[in-house]
Amino acid sequence: MLYENVITKPVYRVLSNLTQENRPEVALPLALKELLRLKLNEAKERKLAFEAKYGRPFESFKTAWDADEIADRYSYEVESDYWEWEAAVTDELQLTEMTTQLL
């Protein structure tokens, strides 16, 4: 079997325990879907936290940022929030795409 050469015994045991599935060809996609779901939820939560903090979605914030309408935009807090928020939005898009590839 292909998986015997790729998946080590400890990884196989963890996959089997996590998914309650002994067939690696079934367990691995199940585990990946669960990981993607968790990561997607994390990205959404990060995005929503910034939306709540700044009272708008990222695209609106970015437009205001580009127009120099954000107060203290070069302060450490606001600038780092911008980059982290952009990363959360990007992560959400990429993870959503990956999720659809596994369906």
PDB file of N, CA and C in Angstrom:
ATOM      1  N   MET A   1       0.835  -1.173   0.000  1.00  0.00           N
ATOM      2  CA  MET A   1       0.000   0.000   0.000  1.00  0.00           C
ATOM      3  C   MET A   1       0.885   1.244   0.000  1.00  0.00           C
ATOM      4  N   LEU A   2       0.498   2.238  -0.745  1.00  0.00           N
ATOM      5  CA  LEU A   2       1.245   3.478  -0.888  1.00  0.00           C
ATOM      6  C   LEU A   2       1.478   4.169   0.456  1.00  0.00           C
ATOM      7  N   TYR A   3       0.493   4.193   1.310  1.00  0.00           N
ATOM      8  CA  TYR A   3       0.580   4.915   2.579  1.00  0.00           C
ATOM      9  C   TYR A   3       1.605   4.307   3.538  1.00  0.00           C
ATOM     10  N   GLU A   4       1.869   3.030   3.403  1.00  0.00           N
ATOM     11  CA  GLU A   4       2.833   2.393   4.295  1.00  0.00           C
ATOM     12  C   GLU A   4       4.227   2.968   4.116  1.00  0.00           C
ATOM     13  N   ASN A   5       4.537   3.454   2.936  1.00  0.00           N
ATOM     14  CA  ASN A   5       5.848   4.037   2.667  1.00  0.00           C
ATOM     15  C   ASN A   5       5.904   5.526   2.974  1.00  0.00           C
ATOM     16  N   VAL A   6       4.763   6.128   3.198  1.00  0.00           N
ATOM     17  CA  VAL A   6       4.711   7.569   3.394  1.00  0.00           C
ATOM     18  C   VAL A   6       4.350   7.944   4.828  1.00  0.00           C
ATOM     19  N   ILE A   7       3.413   7.253   5.409  1.00  0.00           N
ATOM     20  CA  ILE A   7       2.935   7.577   6.750  1.00  0.00           C
ATOM     21  C   ILE A   7       3.621   6.661   7.759  1.00  0.00           C
ATOM     22  N   THR A   8       4.285   7.282   8.711  1.00  0.00           N
ATOM     23  CA  THR A   8       4.956   6.490   9.747  1.00  0.00           C
ATOM     24  C   THR A   8       3.925   5.881  10.685  1.00  0.00           C
ATOM     25  N   LYS A   9       4.340   4.885  11.423  1.00  0.00           N
ATOM     26  CA  LYS A   9       3.414   4.221  12.354  1.00  0.00           C
ATOM     27  C   LYS A   9       2.865   5.188  13.405  1.00  0.00           C
ATOM     28  N   PRO A  10       3.709   6.055  14.020  1.00  0.00           N
ATOM     29  CA  PRO A  10       3.136   6.998  14.990  1.00  0.00           C
ATOM     30  C   PRO A  10       2.102   7.935  14.356  1.00  0.00           C
ATOM     31  N   VAL A  11       2.365   8.397  13.146  1.00  0.00           N
ATOM     32  CA  VAL A  11       1.406   9.270  12.466  1.00  0.00           C
ATOM     33  C   VAL A  11       0.136   8.491  12.150  1.00  0.00           C
ATOM     34  N   TYR A  12       0.288   7.259  11.713  1.00  0.00           N
ATOM     35  CA  TYR A  12      -0.871   6.410  11.434  1.00  0.00           C
ATOM     36  C   TYR A  12      -1.732   6.230  12.687  1.00  0.00           C
ATOM     37  N   ARG A  13      -1.084   5.986  13.824  1.00  0.00           N
ATOM     38  CA  ARG A  13      -1.831   5.806  15.082  1.00  0.00           C
ATOM     39  C   ARG A  13      -2.591   7.080  15.447  1.00  0.00           C
ATOM     40  N   VAL A  14      -1.939   8.218  15.298  1.00  0.00           N
ATOM     41  CA  VAL A  14      -2.612   9.482  15.621  1.00  0.00           C
ATOM     42  C   VAL A  14      -3.796   9.705  14.684  1.00  0.00           C
ATOM     43  N   LEU A  15      -3.571   9.510  13.390  1.00  0.00           N
ATOM     44  CA  LEU A  15      -4.669   9.652  12.421  1.00  0.00           C
ATOM     45  C   LEU A  15      -5.829   8.732  12.767  1.00  0.00           C
ATOM     46  N   SER A  16      -5.528   7.496  13.067  1.00  0.00           N
ATOM     47  CA  SER A  16      -6.570   6.528  13.406  1.00  0.00           C
ATOM     48  C   SER A  16      -7.324   6.933  14.666  1.00  0.00           C
ATOM     49  N   ASN A  17      -6.594   7.385  15.675  1.00  0.00           N
ATOM     50  CA  ASN A  17      -7.238   7.804  16.924  1.00  0.00           C
ATOM     51  C   ASN A  17      -8.078   9.061  16.735  1.00  0.00           C
ATOM     52  N   LEU A  18      -7.564  10.013  15.977  1.00  0.00           N
ATOM     53  CA  LEU A  18      -8.298  11.265  15.766  1.00  0.00           C
ATOM     54  C   LEU A  18      -9.576  11.063  14.963  1.00  0.00           C
ATOM     55  N   THR A  19      -9.477  10.235  13.946  1.00  0.00           N
ATOM     56  CA  THR A  19     -10.606  10.090  13.025  1.00  0.00           C
ATOM     57  C   THR A  19     -11.464   8.862  13.282  1.00  0.00           C
ATOM     58  N   GLN A  20     -10.984   7.956  14.150  1.00  0.00           N
ATOM     59  CA  GLN A  20     -11.672   6.690  14.392  1.00  0.00           C
ATOM     60  C   GLN A  20     -11.816   5.897  13.090  1.00  0.00           C
ATOM     61  N   GLU A  21     -10.806   6.032  12.241  1.00  0.00           N
ATOM     62  CA  GLU A  21     -10.795   5.361  10.944  1.00  0.00           C
ATOM     63  C   GLU A  21      -9.452   4.672  10.768  1.00  0.00           C
ATOM     64  N   ASN A  22      -9.465   3.374  10.455  1.00  0.00           N
ATOM     65  CA  ASN A  22      -8.227   2.610  10.301  1.00  0.00           C
ATOM     66  C   ASN A  22      -7.621   2.685   8.907  1.00  0.00           C
ATOM     67  N   ARG A  23      -8.419   3.082   7.934  1.00  0.00           N
ATOM     68  CA  ARG A  23      -7.903   3.166   6.564  1.00  0.00           C
ATOM     69  C   ARG A  23      -7.273   4.535   6.340  1.00  0.00           C
ATOM     70  N   PRO A  24      -5.957   4.583   6.117  1.00  0.00           N
ATOM     71  CA  PRO A  24      -5.289   5.877   5.961  1.00  0.00           C
ATOM     72  C   PRO A  24      -5.827   6.698   4.797  1.00  0.00           C
ATOM     73  N   GLU A  25      -6.280   6.047   3.742  1.00  0.00           N
ATOM     74  CA  GLU A  25      -6.807   6.789   2.593  1.00  0.00           C
ATOM     75  C   GLU A  25      -8.118   7.492   2.921  1.00  0.00           C
ATOM     76  N   VAL A  26      -8.758   7.090   3.998  1.00  0.00           N
ATOM     77  CA  VAL A  26      -9.963   7.758   4.485  1.00  0.00           C
ATOM     78  C   VAL A  26      -9.598   8.702   5.632  1.00  0.00           C
ATOM     79  N   ALA A  27      -8.729   8.261   6.522  1.00  0.00           N
ATOM     80  CA  ALA A  27      -8.371   9.042   7.705  1.00  0.00           C
ATOM     81  C   ALA A  27      -7.656  10.348   7.350  1.00  0.00           C
ATOM     82  N   LEU A  28      -6.758  10.290   6.396  1.00  0.00           N
ATOM     83  CA  LEU A  28      -5.983  11.493   6.054  1.00  0.00           C
ATOM     84  C   LEU A  28      -6.872  12.613   5.521  1.00  0.00           C
ATOM     85  N   PRO A  29      -7.758  12.365   4.557  1.00  0.00           N
ATOM     86  CA  PRO A  29      -8.648  13.448   4.131  1.00  0.00           C
ATOM     87  C   PRO A  29      -9.555  13.956   5.253  1.00  0.00           C
ATOM     88  N   LEU A  30     -10.018  13.054   6.127  1.00  0.00           N
ATOM     89  CA  LEU A  30     -10.838  13.493   7.263  1.00  0.00           C
ATOM     90  C   LEU A  30     -10.058  14.438   8.169  1.00  0.00           C
ATOM     91  N   ALA A  31      -8.814  14.077   8.465  1.00  0.00           N
ATOM     92  CA  ALA A  31      -7.981  14.914   9.327  1.00  0.00           C
ATOM     93  C   ALA A  31      -7.676  16.251   8.661  1.00  0.00           C
ATOM     94  N   LEU A  32      -7.413  16.232   7.368  1.00  0.00           N
ATOM     95  CA  LEU A  32      -7.146  17.477   6.646  1.00  0.00           C
ATOM     96  C   LEU A  32      -8.359  18.390   6.645  1.00  0.00           C
ATOM     97  N   LYS A  33      -9.524  17.828   6.429  1.00  0.00           N
ATOM     98  CA  LYS A  33     -10.752  18.634   6.451  1.00  0.00           C
ATOM     99  C   LYS A  33     -10.956  19.280   7.815  1.00  0.00           C
ATOM    100  N   GLU A  34     -10.698  18.515   8.861  1.00  0.00           N
ATOM    101  CA  GLU A  34     -10.862  19.056  10.214  1.00  0.00           C
ATOM    102  C   GLU A  34      -9.849  20.170  10.480  1.00  0.00           C
ATOM    103  N   LEU A  35      -8.614  19.969  10.070  1.00  0.00           N
ATOM    104  CA  LEU A  35      -7.590  20.999  10.236  1.00  0.00           C
ATOM    105  C   LEU A  35      -7.962  22.254   9.463  1.00  0.00           C
ATOM    106  N   LEU A  36      -8.409  22.088   8.232  1.00  0.00           N
ATOM    107  CA  LEU A  36      -8.833  23.245   7.442  1.00  0.00           C
ATOM    108  C   LEU A  36      -9.999  23.971   8.106  1.00  0.00           C
ATOM    109  N   ARG A  37     -10.952  23.214   8.638  1.00  0.00           N
ATOM    110  CA  ARG A  37     -12.096  23.827   9.315  1.00  0.00           C
ATOM    111  C   ARG A  37     -11.645  24.659  10.508  1.00  0.00           C
ATOM    112  N   LEU A  38     -10.725  24.110  11.304  1.00  0.00           N
ATOM    113  CA  LEU A  38     -10.223  24.828  12.471  1.00  0.00           C
ATOM    114  C   LEU A  38      -9.456  26.082  12.075  1.00  0.00           C
ATOM    115  N   LYS A  39      -8.575  25.961  11.079  1.00  0.00           N
ATOM    116  CA  LYS A  39      -7.791  27.106  10.617  1.00  0.00           C
ATOM    117  C   LYS A  39      -8.690  28.178  10.007  1.00  0.00           C
ATOM    118  N   LEU A  40      -9.706  27.747   9.270  1.00  0.00           N
ATOM    119  CA  LEU A  40     -10.643  28.693   8.675  1.00  0.00           C
ATOM    120  C   LEU A  40     -11.402  29.446   9.762  1.00  0.00           C
ATOM    121  N   ASN A  41     -11.843  28.743  10.787  1.00  0.00           N
ATOM    122  CA  ASN A  41     -12.524  29.407  11.909  1.00  0.00           C
ATOM    123  C   ASN A  41     -11.612  30.408  12.594  1.00  0.00           C
ATOM    124  N   GLU A  42     -10.340  30.055  12.779  1.00  0.00           N
ATOM    125  CA  GLU A  42      -9.383  30.988  13.385  1.00  0.00           C
ATOM    126  C   GLU A  42      -9.226  32.245  12.540  1.00  0.00           C
ATOM    127  N   ALA A  43      -9.091  32.080  11.229  1.00  0.00           N
ATOM    128  CA  ALA A  43      -8.927  33.228  10.335  1.00  0.00           C
ATOM    129  C   ALA A  43     -10.164  34.119  10.381  1.00  0.00           C
ATOM    130  N   LYS A  44     -11.352  33.512  10.369  1.00  0.00           N
ATOM    131  CA  LYS A  44     -12.593  34.281  10.437  1.00  0.00           C
ATOM    132  C   LYS A  44     -12.694  35.036  11.748  1.00  0.00           C
ATOM    133  N   GLU A  45     -12.321  34.398  12.853  1.00  0.00           N
ATOM    134  CA  GLU A  45     -12.372  35.067  14.157  1.00  0.00           C
ATOM    135  C   GLU A  45     -11.418  36.254  14.218  1.00  0.00           C
ATOM    136  N   ARG A  46     -10.210  36.078  13.664  1.00  0.00           N
ATOM    137  CA  ARG A  46      -9.254  37.198  13.627  1.00  0.00           C
ATOM    138  C   ARG A  46      -9.814  38.344  12.790  1.00  0.00           C
ATOM    139  N   LYS A  47     -10.370  38.009  11.623  1.00  0.00           N
ATOM    140  CA  LYS A  47     -10.947  39.026  10.740  1.00  0.00           C
ATOM    141  C   LYS A  47     -12.091  39.763  11.438  1.00  0.00           C
ATOM    142  N   LEU A  48     -12.991  39.008  12.075  1.00  0.00           N
ATOM    143  CA  LEU A  48     -14.134  39.612  12.755  1.00  0.00           C
ATOM    144  C   LEU A  48     -13.703  40.496  13.925  1.00  0.00           C
ATOM    145  N   ALA A  49     -12.639  40.123  14.604  1.00  0.00           N
ATOM    146  CA  ALA A  49     -12.140  40.944  15.720  1.00  0.00           C
ATOM    147  C   ALA A  49     -11.675  42.307  15.201  1.00  0.00           C
ATOM    148  N   PHE A  50     -10.981  42.321  14.066  1.00  0.00           N
ATOM    149  CA  PHE A  50     -10.541  43.602  13.502  1.00  0.00           C
ATOM    150  C   PHE A  50     -11.730  44.402  12.974  1.00  0.00           C
ATOM    151  N   GLU A  51     -12.707  43.728  12.390  1.00  0.00           N
ATOM    152  CA  GLU A  51     -13.902  44.427  11.917  1.00  0.00           C
ATOM    153  C   GLU A  51     -14.631  45.079  13.079  1.00  0.00           C
ATOM    154  N   ALA A  52     -14.704  44.387  14.201  1.00  0.00           N
ATOM    155  CA  ALA A  52     -15.349  44.958  15.386  1.00  0.00           C
ATOM    156  C   ALA A  52     -14.532  46.127  15.926  1.00  0.00           C
ATOM    157  N   LYS A  53     -13.220  45.987  15.945  1.00  0.00           N
ATOM    158  CA  LYS A  53     -12.346  47.040  16.474  1.00  0.00           C
ATOM    159  C   LYS A  53     -12.433  48.315  15.650  1.00  0.00           C
ATOM    160  N   TYR A  54     -12.471  48.164  14.329  1.00  0.00           N
ATOM    161  CA  TYR A  54     -12.449  49.339  13.449  1.00  0.00           C
ATOM    162  C   TYR A  54     -13.811  49.672  12.844  1.00  0.00           C
ATOM    163  N   GLY A  55     -14.823  48.858  13.138  1.00  0.00           N
ATOM    164  CA  GLY A  55     -16.185  49.177  12.728  1.00  0.00           C
ATOM    165  C   GLY A  55     -16.448  49.116  11.237  1.00  0.00           C
ATOM    166  N   ARG A  56     -15.680  48.314  10.530  1.00  0.00           N
ATOM    167  CA  ARG A  56     -15.863  48.192   9.078  1.00  0.00           C
ATOM    168  C   ARG A  56     -15.147  46.959   8.564  1.00  0.00           C
ATOM    169  N   PRO A  57     -15.523  46.504   7.362  1.00  0.00           N
ATOM    170  CA  PRO A  57     -14.797  45.388   6.755  1.00  0.00           C
ATOM    171  C   PRO A  57     -13.428  45.843   6.252  1.00  0.00           C
ATOM    172  N   PHE A  58     -12.564  44.874   5.994  1.00  0.00           N
ATOM    173  CA  PHE A  58     -11.192  45.194   5.600  1.00  0.00           C
ATOM    174  C   PHE A  58     -11.128  46.045   4.341  1.00  0.00           C
ATOM    175  N   GLU A  59     -11.925  45.716   3.324  1.00  0.00           N
ATOM    176  CA  GLU A  59     -11.852  46.474   2.062  1.00  0.00           C
ATOM    177  C   GLU A  59     -12.143  47.951   2.283  1.00  0.00           C
ATOM    178  N   SER A  60     -13.096  48.255   3.145  1.00  0.00           N
ATOM    179  CA  SER A  60     -13.398  49.650   3.469  1.00  0.00           C
ATOM    180  C   SER A  60     -12.232  50.299   4.211  1.00  0.00           C
ATOM    181  N   PHE A  61     -11.650  49.561   5.139  1.00  0.00           N
ATOM    182  CA  PHE A  61     -10.491  50.064   5.882  1.00  0.00           C
ATOM    183  C   PHE A  61      -9.319  50.299   4.937  1.00  0.00           C
ATOM    184  N   LYS A  62      -9.091  49.370   4.020  1.00  0.00           N
ATOM    185  CA  LYS A  62      -7.980  49.490   3.061  1.00  0.00           C
ATOM    186  C   LYS A  62      -8.171  50.706   2.166  1.00  0.00           C
ATOM    187  N   THR A  63      -9.399  50.930   1.716  1.00  0.00           N
ATOM    188  CA  THR A  63      -9.693  52.098   0.883  1.00  0.00           C
ATOM    189  C   THR A  63      -9.395  53.380   1.650  1.00  0.00           C
ATOM    190  N   ALA A  64      -9.831  53.433   2.906  1.00  0.00           N
ATOM    191  CA  ALA A  64      -9.557  54.607   3.741  1.00  0.00           C
ATOM    192  C   ALA A  64      -8.057  54.741   4.018  1.00  0.00           C
ATOM    193  N   TRP A  65      -7.391  53.613   4.208  1.00  0.00           N
ATOM    194  CA  TRP A  65      -5.936  53.613   4.429  1.00  0.00           C
ATOM    195  C   TRP A  65      -5.221  54.218   3.217  1.00  0.00           C
ATOM    196  N   ASP A  66      -5.574  53.735   2.038  1.00  0.00           N
ATOM    197  CA  ASP A  66      -4.948  54.214   0.802  1.00  0.00           C
ATOM    198  C   ASP A  66      -5.225  55.692   0.556  1.00  0.00           C
ATOM    199  N   ALA A  67      -6.375  56.182   1.035  1.00  0.00           N
ATOM    200  CA  ALA A  67      -6.740  57.588   0.872  1.00  0.00           C
ATOM    201  C   ALA A  67      -6.203  58.452   2.014  1.00  0.00           C
ATOM    202  N   ASP A  68      -5.385  57.872   2.888  1.00  0.00           N
ATOM    203  CA  ASP A  68      -4.797  58.579   4.036  1.00  0.00           C
ATOM    204  C   ASP A  68      -5.869  59.132   4.971  1.00  0.00           C
ATOM    205  N   GLU A  69      -6.947  58.343   5.157  1.00  0.00           N
ATOM    206  CA  GLU A  69      -8.055  58.760   6.012  1.00  0.00           C
ATOM    207  C   GLU A  69      -8.069  58.056   7.367  1.00  0.00           C
ATOM    208  N   ILE A  70      -7.062  57.241   7.633  1.00  0.00           N
ATOM    209  CA  ILE A  70      -6.988  56.520   8.899  1.00  0.00           C
ATOM    210  C   ILE A  70      -6.068  57.295   9.842  1.00  0.00           C
ATOM    211  N   ALA A  71      -6.637  57.686  10.983  1.00  0.00           N
ATOM    212  CA  ALA A  71      -5.842  58.417  11.969  1.00  0.00           C
ATOM    213  C   ALA A  71      -4.730  57.515  12.502  1.00  0.00           C
ATOM    214  N   ASP A  72      -3.565  58.082  12.667  1.00  0.00           N
ATOM    215  CA  ASP A  72      -2.405  57.359  13.217  1.00  0.00           C
ATOM    216  C   ASP A  72      -2.095  56.081  12.440  1.00  0.00           C
ATOM    217  N   ARG A  73      -2.268  56.124  11.141  1.00  0.00           N
ATOM    218  CA  ARG A  73      -2.105  54.892  10.359  1.00  0.00           C
ATOM    219  C   ARG A  73      -0.694  54.324  10.419  1.00  0.00           C
ATOM    220  N   TYR A  74       0.279  55.147  10.735  1.00  0.00           N
ATOM    221  CA  TYR A  74       1.647  54.634  10.832  1.00  0.00           C
ATOM    222  C   TYR A  74       2.091  54.375  12.277  1.00  0.00           C
ATOM    223  N   SER A  75       1.131  54.431  13.190  1.00  0.00           N
ATOM    224  CA  SER A  75       1.469  54.020  14.555  1.00  0.00           C
ATOM    225  C   SER A  75       1.672  52.514  14.542  1.00  0.00           C
ATOM    226  N   TYR A  76       2.429  52.036  15.500  1.00  0.00           N
ATOM    227  CA  TYR A  76       2.712  50.596  15.533  1.00  0.00           C
ATOM    228  C   TYR A  76       1.430  49.785  15.587  1.00  0.00           C
ATOM    229  N   GLU A  77       0.501  50.180  16.459  1.00  0.00           N
ATOM    230  CA  GLU A  77      -0.730  49.411  16.639  1.00  0.00           C
ATOM    231  C   GLU A  77      -1.559  49.357  15.364  1.00  0.00           C
ATOM    232  N   VAL A  78      -1.807  50.506  14.747  1.00  0.00           N
ATOM    233  CA  VAL A  78      -2.679  50.540  13.571  1.00  0.00           C
ATOM    234  C   VAL A  78      -2.019  49.851  12.383  1.00  0.00           C
ATOM    235  N   GLU A  79      -0.741  50.106  12.180  1.00  0.00           N
ATOM    236  CA  GLU A  79      -0.069  49.489  11.039  1.00  0.00           C
ATOM    237  C   GLU A  79       0.032  47.967  11.205  1.00  0.00           C
ATOM    238  N   SER A  80       0.363  47.511  12.403  1.00  0.00           N
ATOM    239  CA  SER A  80       0.441  46.063  12.606  1.00  0.00           C
ATOM    240  C   SER A  80      -0.945  45.431  12.503  1.00  0.00           C
ATOM    241  N   ASP A  81      -1.978  46.129  12.977  1.00  0.00           N
ATOM    242  CA  ASP A  81      -3.347  45.630  12.797  1.00  0.00           C
ATOM    243  C   ASP A  81      -3.674  45.488  11.316  1.00  0.00           C
ATOM    244  N   TYR A  82      -3.285  46.476  10.524  1.00  0.00           N
ATOM    245  CA  TYR A  82      -3.540  46.424   9.082  1.00  0.00           C
ATOM    246  C   TYR A  82      -2.937  45.162   8.481  1.00  0.00           C
ATOM    247  N   TRP A  83      -1.673  44.894   8.769  1.00  0.00           N
ATOM    248  CA  TRP A  83      -0.997  43.735   8.181  1.00  0.00           C
ATOM    249  C   TRP A  83      -1.577  42.415   8.700  1.00  0.00           C
ATOM    250  N   GLU A  84      -1.904  42.364   9.970  1.00  0.00           N
ATOM    251  CA  GLU A  84      -2.490  41.145  10.526  1.00  0.00           C
ATOM    252  C   GLU A  84      -3.904  40.910   9.985  1.00  0.00           C
ATOM    253  N   TRP A  85      -4.636  41.995   9.820  1.00  0.00           N
ATOM    254  CA  TRP A  85      -5.990  41.911   9.286  1.00  0.00           C
ATOM    255  C   TRP A  85      -5.953  41.446   7.828  1.00  0.00           C
ATOM    256  N   GLU A  86      -5.051  42.030   7.061  1.00  0.00           N
ATOM    257  CA  GLU A  86      -4.900  41.620   5.665  1.00  0.00           C
ATOM    258  C   GLU A  86      -4.522  40.133   5.580  1.00  0.00           C
ATOM    259  N   ALA A  87      -3.645  39.695   6.472  1.00  0.00           N
ATOM    260  CA  ALA A  87      -3.255  38.282   6.499  1.00  0.00           C
ATOM    261  C   ALA A  87      -4.452  37.397   6.835  1.00  0.00           C
ATOM    262  N   ALA A  88      -5.290  37.815   7.773  1.00  0.00           N
ATOM    263  CA  ALA A  88      -6.468  37.028   8.140  1.00  0.00           C
ATOM    264  C   ALA A  88      -7.434  36.909   6.958  1.00  0.00           C
ATOM    265  N   VAL A  89      -7.625  38.001   6.235  1.00  0.00           N
ATOM    266  CA  VAL A  89      -8.511  37.987   5.059  1.00  0.00           C
ATOM    267  C   VAL A  89      -7.939  37.059   3.991  1.00  0.00           C
ATOM    268  N   THR A  90      -6.637  37.165   3.746  1.00  0.00           N
ATOM    269  CA  THR A  90      -5.976  36.311   2.763  1.00  0.00           C
ATOM    270  C   THR A  90      -6.043  34.848   3.179  1.00  0.00           C
ATOM    271  N   ASP A  91      -5.775  34.579   4.456  1.00  0.00           N
ATOM    272  CA  ASP A  91      -5.863  33.208   4.967  1.00  0.00           C
ATOM    273  C   ASP A  91      -7.260  32.641   4.769  1.00  0.00           C
ATOM    274  N   GLU A  92      -8.275  33.441   5.081  1.00  0.00           N
ATOM    275  CA  GLU A  92      -9.652  32.966   4.936  1.00  0.00           C
ATOM    276  C   GLU A  92      -9.938  32.582   3.481  1.00  0.00           C
ATOM    277  N   LEU A  93      -9.521  33.414   2.552  1.00  0.00           N
ATOM    278  CA  LEU A  93      -9.743  33.117   1.134  1.00  0.00           C
ATOM    279  C   LEU A  93      -9.017  31.844   0.701  1.00  0.00           C
ATOM    280  N   GLN A  94      -7.765  31.730   1.077  1.00  0.00           N
ATOM    281  CA  GLN A  94      -6.977  30.554   0.693  1.00  0.00           C
ATOM    282  C   GLN A  94      -7.519  29.276   1.325  1.00  0.00           C
ATOM    283  N   LEU A  95      -7.875  29.340   2.594  1.00  0.00           N
ATOM    284  CA  LEU A  95      -8.400  28.162   3.285  1.00  0.00           C
ATOM    285  C   LEU A  95      -9.755  27.751   2.729  1.00  0.00           C
ATOM    286  N   THR A  96     -10.580  28.719   2.368  1.00  0.00           N
ATOM    287  CA  THR A  96     -11.866  28.422   1.749  1.00  0.00           C
ATOM    288  C   THR A  96     -11.649  27.704   0.421  1.00  0.00           C
ATOM    289  N   GLU A  97     -10.689  28.182  -0.351  1.00  0.00           N
ATOM    290  CA  GLU A  97     -10.368  27.536  -1.631  1.00  0.00           C
ATOM    291  C   GLU A  97      -9.874  26.112  -1.411  1.00  0.00           C
ATOM    292  N   MET A  98      -8.991  25.928  -0.437  1.00  0.00           N
ATOM    293  CA  MET A  98      -8.474  24.589  -0.143  1.00  0.00           C
ATOM    294  C   MET A  98      -9.590  23.660   0.283  1.00  0.00           C
ATOM    295  N   THR A  99     -10.530  24.166   1.064  1.00  0.00           N
ATOM    296  CA  THR A  99     -11.650  23.358   1.541  1.00  0.00           C
ATOM    297  C   THR A  99     -12.486  22.864   0.371  1.00  0.00           C
ATOM    298  N   THR A 100     -12.732  23.718  -0.600  1.00  0.00           N
ATOM    299  CA  THR A 100     -13.535  23.307  -1.747  1.00  0.00           C
ATOM    300  C   THR A 100     -12.801  22.273  -2.588  1.00  0.00           C
ATOM    301  N   GLN A 101     -11.477  22.276  -2.565  1.00  0.00           N
ATOM    302  CA  GLN A 101     -10.701  21.300  -3.326  1.00  0.00           C
ATOM    303  C   GLN A 101     -10.825  19.901  -2.728  1.00  0.00           C
ATOM    304  N   LEU A 102     -11.112  19.805  -1.429  1.00  0.00           N
ATOM    305  CA  LEU A 102     -11.230  18.502  -0.784  1.00  0.00           C
ATOM    306  C   LEU A 102     -12.635  17.915  -0.843  1.00  0.00           C
ATOM    307  N   LEU A 103     -13.580  18.681  -1.308  1.00  0.00           N
ATOM    308  CA  LEU A 103     -14.970  18.176  -1.352  1.00  0.00           C
ATOM    309  C   LEU A 103     -15.179  17.185  -2.455  1.00  0.00           C
TER     310      LEU A 103
END
